[in-house]
Amino acid sequence: MFLGLEWYWWIVIVMIIVIPLKVKFVNWWMKRQQERRENECGKWGDEQ
């Protein structure tokens, strides 16, 4: 017991913190990749 909590409660607490951060990161990463693709399209003058 660490700080009065059983080991499985620490797993629950970590999941509650990590999952929303991961979702936020994935959304940011997908948006960043999409912006990169849009910028590359017209970079060399071969716009489609």
PDB file of N, CA and C in Angstrom:
ATOM      1  N   MET A   1       0.845  -1.196   0.000  1.00  0.00           N
ATOM      2  CA  MET A   1       0.000   0.000   0.000  1.00  0.00           C
ATOM      3  C   MET A   1       0.876   1.241   0.000  1.00  0.00           C
ATOM      4  N   PHE A   2       0.640   2.078  -0.992  1.00  0.00           N
ATOM      5  CA  PHE A   2       1.373   3.335  -1.104  1.00  0.00           C
ATOM      6  C   PHE A   2       0.376   4.463  -0.938  1.00  0.00           C
ATOM      7  N   LEU A   3       0.597   5.312   0.039  1.00  0.00           N
ATOM      8  CA  LEU A   3      -0.332   6.386   0.397  1.00  0.00           C
ATOM      9  C   LEU A   3      -1.730   5.850   0.706  1.00  0.00           C
ATOM     10  N   GLY A   4      -1.789   4.654   1.246  1.00  0.00           N
ATOM     11  CA  GLY A   4      -3.061   4.090   1.670  1.00  0.00           C
ATOM     12  C   GLY A   4      -3.911   3.505   0.561  1.00  0.00           C
ATOM     13  N   LEU A   5      -3.402   3.425  -0.666  1.00  0.00           N
ATOM     14  CA  LEU A   5      -4.177   2.871  -1.768  1.00  0.00           C
ATOM     15  C   LEU A   5      -3.585   1.539  -2.213  1.00  0.00           C
ATOM     16  N   GLU A   6      -4.448   0.620  -2.590  1.00  0.00           N
ATOM     17  CA  GLU A   6      -4.005  -0.655  -3.131  1.00  0.00           C
ATOM     18  C   GLU A   6      -3.419  -0.430  -4.518  1.00  0.00           C
ATOM     19  N   TRP A   7      -2.648  -1.399  -5.013  1.00  0.00           N
ATOM     20  CA  TRP A   7      -1.949  -1.250  -6.290  1.00  0.00           C
ATOM     21  C   TRP A   7      -2.914  -1.036  -7.453  1.00  0.00           C
ATOM     22  N   TYR A   8      -4.069  -1.684  -7.417  1.00  0.00           N
ATOM     23  CA  TYR A   8      -4.993  -1.568  -8.552  1.00  0.00           C
ATOM     24  C   TYR A   8      -5.626  -0.185  -8.641  1.00  0.00           C
ATOM     25  N   TRP A   9      -5.722   0.524  -7.534  1.00  0.00           N
ATOM     26  CA  TRP A   9      -6.245   1.892  -7.589  1.00  0.00           C
ATOM     27  C   TRP A   9      -5.262   2.809  -8.300  1.00  0.00           C
ATOM     28  N   TRP A  10      -3.971   2.549  -8.151  1.00  0.00           N
ATOM     29  CA  TRP A  10      -2.980   3.353  -8.868  1.00  0.00           C
ATOM     30  C   TRP A  10      -3.105   3.149 -10.373  1.00  0.00           C
ATOM     31  N   ILE A  11      -3.403   1.905 -10.792  1.00  0.00           N
ATOM     32  CA  ILE A  11      -3.611   1.638 -12.221  1.00  0.00           C
ATOM     33  C   ILE A  11      -4.827   2.428 -12.722  1.00  0.00           C
ATOM     34  N   VAL A  12      -5.885   2.436 -11.943  1.00  0.00           N
ATOM     35  CA  VAL A  12      -7.099   3.176 -12.323  1.00  0.00           C
ATOM     36  C   VAL A  12      -6.794   4.663 -12.442  1.00  0.00           C
ATOM     37  N   ILE A  13      -6.084   5.211 -11.478  1.00  0.00           N
ATOM     38  CA  ILE A  13      -5.754   6.642 -11.496  1.00  0.00           C
ATOM     39  C   ILE A  13      -4.898   6.982 -12.710  1.00  0.00           C
ATOM     40  N   VAL A  14      -3.906   6.149 -12.994  1.00  0.00           N
ATOM     41  CA  VAL A  14      -3.033   6.392 -14.152  1.00  0.00           C
ATOM     42  C   VAL A  14      -3.834   6.341 -15.442  1.00  0.00           C
ATOM     43  N   MET A  15      -4.731   5.386 -15.577  1.00  0.00           N
ATOM     44  CA  MET A  15      -5.554   5.291 -16.789  1.00  0.00           C
ATOM     45  C   MET A  15      -6.444   6.520 -16.957  1.00  0.00           C
ATOM     46  N   ILE A  16      -7.008   6.998 -15.869  1.00  0.00           N
ATOM     47  CA  ILE A  16      -7.873   8.182 -15.942  1.00  0.00           C
ATOM     48  C   ILE A  16      -7.090   9.389 -16.441  1.00  0.00           C
ATOM     49  N   ILE A  17      -5.804   9.463 -16.101  1.00  0.00           N
ATOM     50  CA  ILE A  17      -4.968  10.581 -16.531  1.00  0.00           C
ATOM     51  C   ILE A  17      -4.431  10.363 -17.943  1.00  0.00           C
ATOM     52  N   VAL A  18      -3.979   9.162 -18.254  1.00  0.00           N
ATOM     53  CA  VAL A  18      -3.279   8.890 -19.509  1.00  0.00           C
ATOM     54  C   VAL A  18      -4.215   8.856 -20.714  1.00  0.00           C
ATOM     55  N   ILE A  19      -5.381   8.249 -20.583  1.00  0.00           N
ATOM     56  CA  ILE A  19      -6.263   8.077 -21.743  1.00  0.00           C
ATOM     57  C   ILE A  19      -6.684   9.414 -22.352  1.00  0.00           C
ATOM     58  N   PRO A  20      -7.158  10.394 -21.582  1.00  0.00           N
ATOM     59  CA  PRO A  20      -7.507  11.674 -22.211  1.00  0.00           C
ATOM     60  C   PRO A  20      -6.301  12.374 -22.848  1.00  0.00           C
ATOM     61  N   LEU A  21      -5.116  12.254 -22.228  1.00  0.00           N
ATOM     62  CA  LEU A  21      -3.922  12.857 -22.808  1.00  0.00           C
ATOM     63  C   LEU A  21      -3.575  12.199 -24.134  1.00  0.00           C
ATOM     64  N   LYS A  22      -3.714  10.889 -24.205  1.00  0.00           N
ATOM     65  CA  LYS A  22      -3.423  10.168 -25.446  1.00  0.00           C
ATOM     66  C   LYS A  22      -4.404  10.575 -26.536  1.00  0.00           C
ATOM     67  N   VAL A  23      -5.686  10.680 -26.220  1.00  0.00           N
ATOM     68  CA  VAL A  23      -6.689  11.095 -27.200  1.00  0.00           C
ATOM     69  C   VAL A  23      -6.372  12.494 -27.708  1.00  0.00           C
ATOM     70  N   LYS A  24      -6.007  13.383 -26.813  1.00  0.00           N
ATOM     71  CA  LYS A  24      -5.675  14.756 -27.200  1.00  0.00           C
ATOM     72  C   LYS A  24      -4.443  14.768 -28.106  1.00  0.00           C
ATOM     73  N   PHE A  25      -3.431  13.974 -27.769  1.00  0.00           N
ATOM     74  CA  PHE A  25      -2.227  13.907 -28.581  1.00  0.00           C
ATOM     75  C   PHE A  25      -2.520  13.349 -29.967  1.00  0.00           C
ATOM     76  N   VAL A  26      -3.315  12.280 -30.043  1.00  0.00           N
ATOM     77  CA  VAL A  26      -3.643  11.678 -31.339  1.00  0.00           C
ATOM     78  C   VAL A  26      -4.404  12.672 -32.208  1.00  0.00           C
ATOM     79  N   ASN A  27      -5.350  13.393 -31.632  1.00  0.00           N
ATOM     80  CA  ASN A  27      -6.092  14.405 -32.397  1.00  0.00           C
ATOM     81  C   ASN A  27      -5.155  15.491 -32.900  1.00  0.00           C
ATOM     82  N   TRP A  28      -4.229  15.946 -32.059  1.00  0.00           N
ATOM     83  CA  TRP A  28      -3.261  16.967 -32.464  1.00  0.00           C
ATOM     84  C   TRP A  28      -2.377  16.446 -33.584  1.00  0.00           C
ATOM     85  N   TRP A  29      -1.926  15.193 -33.452  1.00  0.00           N
ATOM     86  CA  TRP A  29      -1.025  14.601 -34.442  1.00  0.00           C
ATOM     87  C   TRP A  29      -1.719  14.457 -35.801  1.00  0.00           C
ATOM     88  N   MET A  30      -2.981  14.008 -35.810  1.00  0.00           N
ATOM     89  CA  MET A  30      -3.721  13.859 -37.062  1.00  0.00           C
ATOM     90  C   MET A  30      -3.925  15.217 -37.732  1.00  0.00           C
ATOM     91  N   LYS A  31      -4.234  16.239 -36.941  1.00  0.00           N
ATOM     92  CA  LYS A  31      -4.413  17.583 -37.486  1.00  0.00           C
ATOM     93  C   LYS A  31      -3.107  18.095 -38.082  1.00  0.00           C
ATOM     94  N   ARG A  32      -1.996  17.842 -37.394  1.00  0.00           N
ATOM     95  CA  ARG A  32      -0.683  18.271 -37.866  1.00  0.00           C
ATOM     96  C   ARG A  32      -0.320  17.575 -39.179  1.00  0.00           C
ATOM     97  N   GLN A  33      -0.563  16.272 -39.268  1.00  0.00           N
ATOM     98  CA  GLN A  33      -0.271  15.525 -40.489  1.00  0.00           C
ATOM     99  C   GLN A  33      -1.113  16.033 -41.650  1.00  0.00           C
ATOM    100  N   GLN A  34      -2.384  16.341 -41.388  1.00  0.00           N
ATOM    101  CA  GLN A  34      -3.262  16.836 -42.447  1.00  0.00           C
ATOM    102  C   GLN A  34      -2.778  18.193 -42.941  1.00  0.00           C
ATOM    103  N   GLU A  35      -2.358  19.067 -42.038  1.00  0.00           N
ATOM    104  CA  GLU A  35      -1.837  20.373 -42.439  1.00  0.00           C
ATOM    105  C   GLU A  35      -0.558  20.212 -43.264  1.00  0.00           C
ATOM    106  N   ARG A  36       0.290  19.276 -42.906  1.00  0.00           N
ATOM    107  CA  ARG A  36       1.508  19.019 -43.674  1.00  0.00           C
ATOM    108  C   ARG A  36       1.170  18.582 -45.089  1.00  0.00           C
ATOM    109  N   ARG A  37       0.196  17.666 -45.221  1.00  0.00           N
ATOM    110  CA  ARG A  37      -0.186  17.175 -46.545  1.00  0.00           C
ATOM    111  C   ARG A  37      -0.752  18.307 -47.398  1.00  0.00           C
ATOM    112  N   GLU A  38      -1.551  19.181 -46.794  1.00  0.00           N
ATOM    113  CA  GLU A  38      -2.131  20.298 -47.539  1.00  0.00           C
ATOM    114  C   GLU A  38      -1.041  21.266 -48.002  1.00  0.00           C
ATOM    115  N   ASN A  39      -0.037  21.495 -47.166  1.00  0.00           N
ATOM    116  CA  ASN A  39       1.042  22.407 -47.524  1.00  0.00           C
ATOM    117  C   ASN A  39       1.942  21.819 -48.607  1.00  0.00           C
ATOM    118  N   GLU A  40       2.158  20.508 -48.593  1.00  0.00           N
ATOM    119  CA  GLU A  40       3.019  19.874 -49.581  1.00  0.00           C
ATOM    120  C   GLU A  40       2.380  19.861 -50.958  1.00  0.00           C
ATOM    121  N   CYS A  41       1.088  19.881 -51.034  1.00  0.00           N
ATOM    122  CA  CYS A  41       0.388  19.752 -52.303  1.00  0.00           C
ATOM    123  C   CYS A  41       0.788  20.860 -53.279  1.00  0.00           C
ATOM    124  N   GLY A  42       0.851  22.106 -52.821  1.00  0.00           N
ATOM    125  CA  GLY A  42       1.168  23.219 -53.716  1.00  0.00           C
ATOM    126  C   GLY A  42       2.596  23.709 -53.606  1.00  0.00           C
ATOM    127  N   LYS A  43       3.433  22.992 -52.892  1.00  0.00           N
ATOM    128  CA  LYS A  43       4.786  23.482 -52.628  1.00  0.00           C
ATOM    129  C   LYS A  43       5.617  23.582 -53.899  1.00  0.00           C
ATOM    130  N   TRP A  44       5.486  22.606 -54.804  1.00  0.00           N
ATOM    131  CA  TRP A  44       6.363  22.564 -55.990  1.00  0.00           C
ATOM    132  C   TRP A  44       5.648  23.054 -57.246  1.00  0.00           C
ATOM    133  N   GLY A  45       4.472  23.619 -57.085  1.00  0.00           N
ATOM    134  CA  GLY A  45       3.758  24.164 -58.233  1.00  0.00           C
ATOM    135  C   GLY A  45       3.004  23.131 -59.024  1.00  0.00           C
ATOM    136  N   ASP A  46       2.881  21.924 -58.517  1.00  0.00           N
ATOM    137  CA  ASP A  46       2.132  20.884 -59.220  1.00  0.00           C
ATOM    138  C   ASP A  46       0.816  20.631 -58.532  1.00  0.00           C
ATOM    139  N   GLU A  47       0.054  21.688 -58.379  1.00  0.00           N
ATOM    140  CA  GLU A  47      -1.219  21.576 -57.678  1.00  0.00           C
ATOM    141  C   GLU A  47      -2.176  20.693 -58.475  1.00  0.00           C
ATOM    142  N   GLN A  48      -2.875  19.857 -57.768  1.00  0.00           N
ATOM    143  CA  GLN A  48      -3.776  18.920 -58.441  1.00  0.00           C
ATOM    144  C   GLN A  48      -5.203  19.364 -58.348  1.00  0.00           C
TER     145      GLN A  48
END
